[in-house]
Amino acid sequence: MAYLHCHTRGCHWSQDDFWDRKYNPLTKLWSDIRWLWKPRMMKFDREAYGRPRIFSWHALALEVVKEVRNVRRMKWWTWESWKRAKDTAVCPKCGQRNWDID
């Protein structure tokens, strides 16, 4: 997996790790469902959901929204699609070719 982002000053565009068979929105969502389906109050750091306690189904709904946004934001879904496009790819936000992969 690799995290792709633009290094142009002030741009801050990034996308999630490239997807494959083991790491993709469906496998992430299934993992969230298995973990959060049991109804209960959960404790988290404030950074996780913005509050210290949250009901598990509410957390699941937030994770679903997060994944939908992630899918909509992805430009190159797989490492192979990035390899095909990297020579001509420009940042969707700033139009520059100042890429970094972590």
C-alpha atoms as a PDB file:
ATOM      1  CA  MET A   1       0.000   0.000   0.000  1.00  0.00           C
ATOM      2  CA  ALA A   2       1.109   3.537  -0.685  1.00  0.00           C
ATOM      3  CA  TYR A   3      -0.205   6.943   0.321  1.00  0.00           C
ATOM      4  CA  LEU A   4      -0.170   9.382  -2.635  1.00  0.00           C
ATOM      5  CA  HIS A   5      -0.142  13.127  -2.041  1.00  0.00           C
ATOM      6  CA  CYS A   6       0.806  16.378  -3.727  1.00  0.00           C
ATOM      7  CA  HIS A   7       3.814  18.262  -2.373  1.00  0.00           C
ATOM      8  CA  THR A   8       2.927  21.611  -3.942  1.00  0.00           C
ATOM      9  CA  ARG A   9       2.949  24.320  -1.295  1.00  0.00           C
ATOM     10  CA  GLY A  10      -0.576  25.026  -0.033  1.00  0.00           C
ATOM     11  CA  CYS A  11      -2.245  22.237  -2.049  1.00  0.00           C
ATOM     12  CA  HIS A  12      -2.594  19.438   0.520  1.00  0.00           C
ATOM     13  CA  TRP A  13      -4.373  17.054  -1.912  1.00  0.00           C
ATOM     14  CA  SER A  14      -4.025  13.408  -0.952  1.00  0.00           C
ATOM     15  CA  GLN A  15      -5.757  10.113  -1.412  1.00  0.00           C
ATOM     16  CA  ASP A  16      -6.027   6.938   0.622  1.00  0.00           C
ATOM     17  CA  ASP A  17      -3.677   4.031   0.049  1.00  0.00           C
ATOM     18  CA  PHE A  18      -4.037   2.266  -3.283  1.00  0.00           C
ATOM     19  CA  TRP A  19      -6.539  -0.570  -3.170  1.00  0.00           C
ATOM     20  CA  ASP A  20      -6.083  -4.260  -3.851  1.00  0.00           C
ATOM     21  CA  ARG A  21      -8.009  -7.449  -3.109  1.00  0.00           C
ATOM     22  CA  LYS A  22      -7.239  -7.356   0.617  1.00  0.00           C
ATOM     23  CA  TYR A  23      -7.428  -3.601   1.148  1.00  0.00           C
ATOM     24  CA  ASN A  24     -10.378  -1.837  -0.479  1.00  0.00           C
ATOM     25  CA  PRO A  25     -13.578  -0.064   0.582  1.00  0.00           C
ATOM     26  CA  LEU A  26     -15.577  -3.296   0.828  1.00  0.00           C
ATOM     27  CA  THR A  27     -13.068  -5.113   3.028  1.00  0.00           C
ATOM     28  CA  LYS A  28     -12.675  -2.022   5.218  1.00  0.00           C
ATOM     29  CA  LEU A  29     -16.442  -1.661   5.527  1.00  0.00           C
ATOM     30  CA  TRP A  30     -16.865  -5.353   6.372  1.00  0.00           C
ATOM     31  CA  SER A  31     -14.227  -5.003   9.083  1.00  0.00           C
ATOM     32  CA  ASP A  32     -16.050  -1.971  10.507  1.00  0.00           C
ATOM     33  CA  ILE A  33     -19.382  -3.827  10.473  1.00  0.00           C
ATOM     34  CA  ARG A  34     -17.938  -6.818  12.328  1.00  0.00           C
ATOM     35  CA  TRP A  35     -16.405  -4.531  14.950  1.00  0.00           C
ATOM     36  CA  LEU A  36     -19.224  -2.003  15.389  1.00  0.00           C
ATOM     37  CA  TRP A  37     -22.406  -4.031  14.799  1.00  0.00           C
ATOM     38  CA  LYS A  38     -22.814  -5.116  18.425  1.00  0.00           C
ATOM     39  CA  PRO A  39     -24.869  -2.339  20.110  1.00  0.00           C
ATOM     40  CA  ARG A  40     -22.866  -0.678  22.889  1.00  0.00           C
ATOM     41  CA  MET A  41     -21.422   2.603  24.077  1.00  0.00           C
ATOM     42  CA  MET A  42     -17.752   2.903  23.187  1.00  0.00           C
ATOM     43  CA  LYS A  43     -14.961   5.076  24.549  1.00  0.00           C
ATOM     44  CA  PHE A  44     -12.507   6.737  22.157  1.00  0.00           C
ATOM     45  CA  ASP A  45      -9.967   9.502  22.126  1.00  0.00           C
ATOM     46  CA  ARG A  46     -11.567  12.765  21.042  1.00  0.00           C
ATOM     47  CA  GLU A  47      -9.653  12.635  17.742  1.00  0.00           C
ATOM     48  CA  ALA A  48     -11.470   9.486  16.652  1.00  0.00           C
ATOM     49  CA  TYR A  49     -15.045  10.794  16.454  1.00  0.00           C
ATOM     50  CA  GLY A  50     -14.933  14.200  18.100  1.00  0.00           C
ATOM     51  CA  ARG A  51     -16.339  12.986  21.422  1.00  0.00           C
ATOM     52  CA  PRO A  52     -15.151  10.610  24.154  1.00  0.00           C
ATOM     53  CA  ARG A  53     -18.195   8.262  24.080  1.00  0.00           C
ATOM     54  CA  ILE A  54     -20.235   7.177  21.082  1.00  0.00           C
ATOM     55  CA  PHE A  55     -22.816   4.491  20.368  1.00  0.00           C
ATOM     56  CA  SER A  56     -21.373   1.767  18.142  1.00  0.00           C
ATOM     57  CA  TRP A  57     -24.020   2.137  15.425  1.00  0.00           C
ATOM     58  CA  HIS A  58     -23.390   5.866  15.245  1.00  0.00           C
ATOM     59  CA  ALA A  59     -19.685   5.146  14.825  1.00  0.00           C
ATOM     60  CA  LEU A  60     -20.558   2.646  12.068  1.00  0.00           C
ATOM     61  CA  ALA A  61     -22.644   5.270  10.249  1.00  0.00           C
ATOM     62  CA  LEU A  62     -19.745   7.724  10.449  1.00  0.00           C
ATOM     63  CA  GLU A  63     -17.375   5.093   9.057  1.00  0.00           C
ATOM     64  CA  VAL A  64     -19.737   4.407   6.138  1.00  0.00           C
ATOM     65  CA  VAL A  65     -19.891   8.127   5.323  1.00  0.00           C
ATOM     66  CA  LYS A  66     -16.092   8.327   5.566  1.00  0.00           C
ATOM     67  CA  GLU A  67     -15.675   5.421   3.123  1.00  0.00           C
ATOM     68  CA  VAL A  68     -18.156   6.889   0.639  1.00  0.00           C
ATOM     69  CA  ARG A  69     -16.215  10.165   0.694  1.00  0.00           C
ATOM     70  CA  ASN A  70     -12.977   8.250   0.320  1.00  0.00           C
ATOM     71  CA  VAL A  71     -14.263   6.393  -2.760  1.00  0.00           C
ATOM     72  CA  ARG A  72     -15.433   9.631  -4.347  1.00  0.00           C
ATOM     73  CA  ARG A  73     -12.081  11.326  -3.671  1.00  0.00           C
ATOM     74  CA  MET A  74      -9.862   8.546  -5.058  1.00  0.00           C
ATOM     75  CA  LYS A  75      -8.260   9.390  -8.405  1.00  0.00           C
ATOM     76  CA  TRP A  76      -6.107   6.292  -8.919  1.00  0.00           C
ATOM     77  CA  TRP A  77      -7.667   3.285  -7.228  1.00  0.00           C
ATOM     78  CA  THR A  78      -4.910   0.719  -7.725  1.00  0.00           C
ATOM     79  CA  TRP A  79      -1.124   0.778  -7.919  1.00  0.00           C
ATOM     80  CA  GLU A  80      -1.403  -0.444 -11.526  1.00  0.00           C
ATOM     81  CA  SER A  81      -3.657   2.478 -12.497  1.00  0.00           C
ATOM     82  CA  TRP A  82      -1.135   4.887 -10.935  1.00  0.00           C
ATOM     83  CA  LYS A  83       1.791   3.268 -12.795  1.00  0.00           C
ATOM     84  CA  ARG A  84      -0.061   3.730 -16.109  1.00  0.00           C
ATOM     85  CA  ALA A  85      -0.851   7.382 -15.376  1.00  0.00           C
ATOM     86  CA  LYS A  86       2.173   8.616 -13.408  1.00  0.00           C
ATOM     87  CA  ASP A  87       4.057  10.089 -16.387  1.00  0.00           C
ATOM     88  CA  THR A  88       1.140  12.354 -17.338  1.00  0.00           C
ATOM     89  CA  ALA A  89      -0.772  12.639 -14.031  1.00  0.00           C
ATOM     90  CA  VAL A  90      -1.477  16.083 -12.647  1.00  0.00           C
ATOM     91  CA  CYS A  91      -2.869  16.930  -9.241  1.00  0.00           C
ATOM     92  CA  PRO A  92      -6.679  17.164  -9.301  1.00  0.00           C
ATOM     93  CA  LYS A  93      -6.546  20.188  -6.979  1.00  0.00           C
ATOM     94  CA  CYS A  94      -3.643  22.355  -8.160  1.00  0.00           C
ATOM     95  CA  GLY A  95      -2.750  20.944 -11.585  1.00  0.00           C
ATOM     96  CA  GLN A  96       0.937  20.435 -10.725  1.00  0.00           C
ATOM     97  CA  ARG A  97       3.034  17.271 -11.010  1.00  0.00           C
ATOM     98  CA  ASN A  98       4.709  17.405  -7.613  1.00  0.00           C
ATOM     99  CA  TRP A  99       3.898  13.897  -6.334  1.00  0.00           C
ATOM    100  CA  ASP A 100       5.125  12.051  -3.286  1.00  0.00           C
ATOM    101  CA  ILE A 101       4.326   8.499  -2.253  1.00  0.00           C
ATOM    102  CA  ASP A 102       4.801   7.379   1.349  1.00  0.00           C
END
